[in-house]
């Protein structure tokens, strides 16, 4: 009786191990099929490769900040945020970290168009003293910003390299990856690759 119960128990354990292995394999297959989540591009006014109209805006300290135009081997990231946007505030430490990590080739400008007191408090709360913060409704309109948080990456010649909604570190980093691959977003890159596979 004891031997029979042990045999049945071992049979159940082996069956369960085989089932777990099969499930793990299926999870691996699904993981390969799921595309990486990049920044989501919306129906924007500007297109990839378009020359952004250069403008000079005053930051909150009254200092001039050049937006767009050639930048001597440096790119520029415009991060549109608002003190009233919880997601924006949760991303500001990531933006600050990216400013340090990518300092060799990237300048970051935080942009908005609300009341100055809210942005002053946001700068103080999130330690944004080292990067310019500009308030300009015209800047947001120029890039067709409709939802926040949003970012636009301009290349060294002041052209739009990538852009999209930013909800995570991965979304922000996907803009850098998209710039390297010459696409507006990672979704566009994956769509092109899928179309190429279907044609082949």
Protein backbone atom coordinates (compact mmCIF):
# COMPACT_ATOMS: atom_id res chain seq x y z
CA UNK A 1 0.00 0.00 0.00
CA UNK A 2 2.81 2.35 0.97
CA UNK A 3 4.72 1.50 -2.21
CA UNK A 4 1.66 2.18 -4.38
CA UNK A 5 1.06 5.59 -2.79
CA UNK A 6 4.72 6.54 -3.28
CA UNK A 7 4.61 5.48 -6.94
CA UNK A 8 1.45 7.55 -7.48
CA UNK A 9 3.02 10.51 -5.67
CA UNK A 10 6.16 10.35 -7.84
CA UNK A 11 4.04 10.02 -10.95
CA UNK A 12 2.14 13.17 -9.94
CA UNK A 13 5.40 15.05 -9.28
CA UNK A 14 6.84 14.03 -12.67
CA UNK A 15 3.61 15.00 -14.45
CA UNK A 16 3.63 18.36 -12.69
CA UNK A 17 7.29 18.96 -13.63
CA UNK A 18 6.52 18.21 -17.29
CA UNK A 19 3.56 20.58 -17.18
CA UNK A 20 5.67 23.37 -15.67
CA UNK A 21 8.36 22.84 -18.33
CA UNK A 22 5.73 23.05 -21.08
CA UNK A 23 4.29 26.26 -19.59
CA UNK A 24 7.76 27.78 -19.25
CA UNK A 25 8.39 27.04 -22.93
CA UNK A 26 5.11 28.74 -23.91
CA UNK A 27 5.98 31.80 -21.81
CA UNK A 28 9.34 31.98 -23.59
CA UNK A 29 7.64 31.83 -27.00
CA UNK A 30 5.18 34.58 -26.01
CA UNK A 31 8.03 36.71 -24.68
CA UNK A 32 9.79 36.51 -28.05
CA UNK A 33 6.63 37.50 -29.91
CA UNK A 34 5.81 40.52 -27.76
CA UNK A 35 7.38 43.66 -29.20
CA UNK A 36 9.25 46.03 -26.92
CA UNK A 37 7.09 48.93 -25.81
CA UNK A 38 8.51 52.15 -27.18
CA UNK A 39 7.23 55.69 -26.97
CA UNK A 40 3.82 55.98 -28.61
CA UNK A 41 3.66 58.44 -31.49
CA UNK A 42 0.38 60.25 -32.02
CA UNK A 43 -0.94 62.24 -34.96
CA UNK A 44 1.82 64.81 -34.67
CA UNK A 45 2.34 67.99 -36.68
CA UNK A 46 6.00 67.23 -37.34
CA UNK A 47 7.55 64.31 -39.19
CA UNK A 48 10.78 62.39 -38.80
CA UNK A 49 13.66 64.29 -40.39
CA UNK A 50 11.76 67.58 -40.47
CA UNK A 51 13.80 70.63 -39.56
CA UNK A 52 12.43 72.08 -36.36
CA UNK A 53 11.89 75.83 -36.51
CA UNK A 54 14.65 77.32 -34.35
CA UNK A 55 13.47 79.54 -31.52
CA UNK A 56 15.05 81.17 -28.54
CA UNK A 57 13.04 81.16 -25.32
CA UNK A 58 13.75 82.50 -21.87
CA UNK A 59 13.98 79.93 -19.09
CA UNK A 60 12.46 80.57 -15.67
CA UNK A 61 15.60 82.47 -14.62
CA UNK A 62 15.35 84.74 -17.65
CA UNK A 63 18.30 83.13 -19.46
CA UNK A 64 18.02 82.44 -23.21
CA UNK A 65 17.55 78.81 -24.32
CA UNK A 66 18.04 77.96 -27.99
CA UNK A 67 15.58 75.33 -29.26
CA UNK A 68 16.44 73.55 -32.51
CA UNK A 69 19.08 74.54 -35.00
CA UNK A 70 22.56 72.99 -35.42
CA UNK A 71 24.16 72.14 -32.07
CA UNK A 72 27.79 71.10 -32.75
CA UNK A 73 27.50 67.31 -32.41
CA UNK A 74 24.89 67.47 -29.63
CA UNK A 75 21.27 66.39 -29.67
CA UNK A 76 18.47 68.05 -27.71
CA UNK A 77 15.58 66.39 -25.89
CA UNK A 78 12.47 68.44 -25.19
CA UNK A 79 10.52 66.88 -22.32
CA UNK A 80 7.02 68.34 -22.02
CA UNK A 81 5.65 68.10 -18.49
CA UNK A 82 3.23 69.73 -16.11
CA UNK A 83 3.15 70.07 -12.30
CA UNK A 84 -0.47 68.84 -12.43
CA UNK A 85 0.51 65.60 -14.22
CA UNK A 86 1.34 62.76 -11.76
CA UNK A 87 2.99 60.67 -14.50
CA UNK A 88 5.18 63.62 -15.50
CA UNK A 89 6.38 64.04 -11.94
CA UNK A 90 7.11 60.34 -11.58
CA UNK A 91 9.31 60.52 -14.70
CA UNK A 92 11.32 63.57 -13.70
CA UNK A 93 13.90 61.54 -11.70
CA UNK A 94 14.37 59.38 -14.82
CA UNK A 95 14.82 62.48 -16.99
CA UNK A 96 17.32 63.86 -14.48
CA UNK A 97 19.18 60.55 -14.51
CA UNK A 98 19.20 60.49 -18.34
CA UNK A 99 20.63 64.02 -18.37
CA UNK A 100 23.60 62.78 -16.35
CA UNK A 101 24.02 59.44 -18.18
CA UNK A 102 23.78 60.93 -21.69
CA UNK A 103 25.58 64.22 -20.93
CA UNK A 104 28.29 63.51 -23.52
CA UNK A 105 25.87 63.97 -26.44
CA UNK A 106 22.49 65.18 -25.14
CA UNK A 107 21.03 68.41 -23.73
CA UNK A 108 17.62 68.18 -22.05
CA UNK A 109 15.09 70.98 -21.80
CA UNK A 110 11.95 70.64 -19.67
CA UNK A 111 9.04 72.47 -21.29
CA UNK A 112 5.54 73.45 -20.24
CA UNK A 113 2.95 76.19 -20.61
CA UNK A 114 1.25 76.55 -17.24
CA UNK A 115 1.59 79.06 -14.41
CA UNK A 116 5.13 79.78 -13.27
CA UNK A 117 4.59 79.12 -9.51
CA UNK A 118 3.70 75.47 -10.15
CA UNK A 119 6.84 74.96 -12.24
CA UNK A 120 9.02 76.72 -9.65
CA UNK A 121 7.74 74.26 -7.04
CA UNK A 122 8.29 71.33 -9.43
CA UNK A 123 11.88 72.38 -10.12
CA UNK A 124 12.60 72.66 -6.41
CA UNK A 125 10.88 69.38 -5.50
CA UNK A 126 12.59 67.32 -8.22
CA UNK A 127 16.02 68.97 -8.29
CA UNK A 128 15.84 70.28 -11.85
CA UNK A 129 18.12 73.27 -11.21
CA UNK A 130 20.78 71.91 -13.58
CA UNK A 131 18.56 71.86 -16.67
CA UNK A 132 16.64 74.70 -18.33
CA UNK A 133 12.86 74.86 -17.84
CA UNK A 134 10.95 76.93 -20.39
CA UNK A 135 7.29 77.91 -20.38
CA UNK A 136 5.93 78.41 -23.87
CA UNK A 137 2.57 77.49 -25.35
CA UNK A 138 4.00 78.14 -28.83
CA UNK A 139 6.66 75.47 -28.34
CA UNK A 140 4.08 72.80 -27.52
CA UNK A 141 1.96 73.84 -30.50
CA UNK A 142 4.98 73.73 -32.83
CA UNK A 143 5.46 70.03 -32.08
CA UNK A 144 1.76 69.15 -31.87
CA UNK A 145 1.91 68.15 -28.19
CA UNK A 146 -1.60 67.08 -27.17
CA UNK A 147 -0.94 64.75 -24.21
CA UNK A 148 1.65 64.62 -21.45
CA UNK A 149 4.27 63.51 -20.71
CA UNK A 150 5.66 63.91 -24.22
CA UNK A 151 9.19 64.14 -25.58
CA UNK A 152 10.81 65.23 -28.84
CA UNK A 153 14.40 64.35 -29.67
CA UNK A 154 16.18 66.71 -32.08
CA UNK A 155 19.40 65.58 -33.73
CA UNK A 156 22.65 67.53 -34.11
CA UNK A 157 21.29 69.43 -37.11
CA UNK A 158 18.04 70.40 -35.39
CA UNK A 159 15.93 67.81 -37.22
CA UNK A 160 13.26 65.72 -35.52
CA UNK A 161 14.90 62.37 -34.77
CA UNK A 162 12.14 60.71 -32.71
CA UNK A 163 9.16 61.68 -30.58
CA UNK A 164 6.27 60.26 -28.59
CA UNK A 165 4.38 59.84 -25.33
CA UNK A 166 6.68 58.85 -22.47
CA UNK A 167 5.33 56.72 -19.61
CA UNK A 168 8.46 54.86 -18.47
CA UNK A 169 12.25 54.73 -18.63
CA UNK A 170 11.90 52.24 -21.50
CA UNK A 171 9.84 54.74 -23.50
CA UNK A 172 12.45 57.44 -22.97
CA UNK A 173 15.31 55.14 -23.96
CA UNK A 174 13.33 53.99 -27.01
CA UNK A 175 13.63 57.54 -28.39
CA UNK A 176 17.42 57.22 -28.31
CA UNK A 177 17.20 53.78 -29.94
CA UNK A 178 14.81 55.10 -32.60
CA UNK A 179 17.24 57.94 -33.40
CA UNK A 180 20.04 55.42 -33.94
CA UNK A 181 17.84 53.32 -36.24
CA UNK A 182 16.54 56.32 -38.21
CA UNK A 183 12.87 55.83 -37.36
CA UNK A 184 10.34 57.99 -35.50
CA UNK A 185 9.58 55.24 -32.98
CA UNK A 186 10.38 51.64 -32.12
CA UNK A 187 6.86 50.71 -33.32
CA UNK A 188 7.70 52.07 -36.75
CA UNK A 189 10.94 50.07 -36.82
CA UNK A 190 9.08 46.86 -35.89
CA UNK A 191 6.35 47.55 -38.47
CA UNK A 192 8.99 48.01 -41.18
CA UNK A 193 10.77 44.83 -40.14
CA UNK A 194 7.51 42.85 -40.17
CA UNK A 195 6.64 44.22 -43.62
CA UNK A 196 10.08 43.17 -44.90
CA UNK A 197 9.60 39.64 -43.52
CA UNK A 198 6.18 39.38 -45.17
CA UNK A 199 7.58 40.48 -48.54
CA UNK A 200 10.48 38.00 -48.32
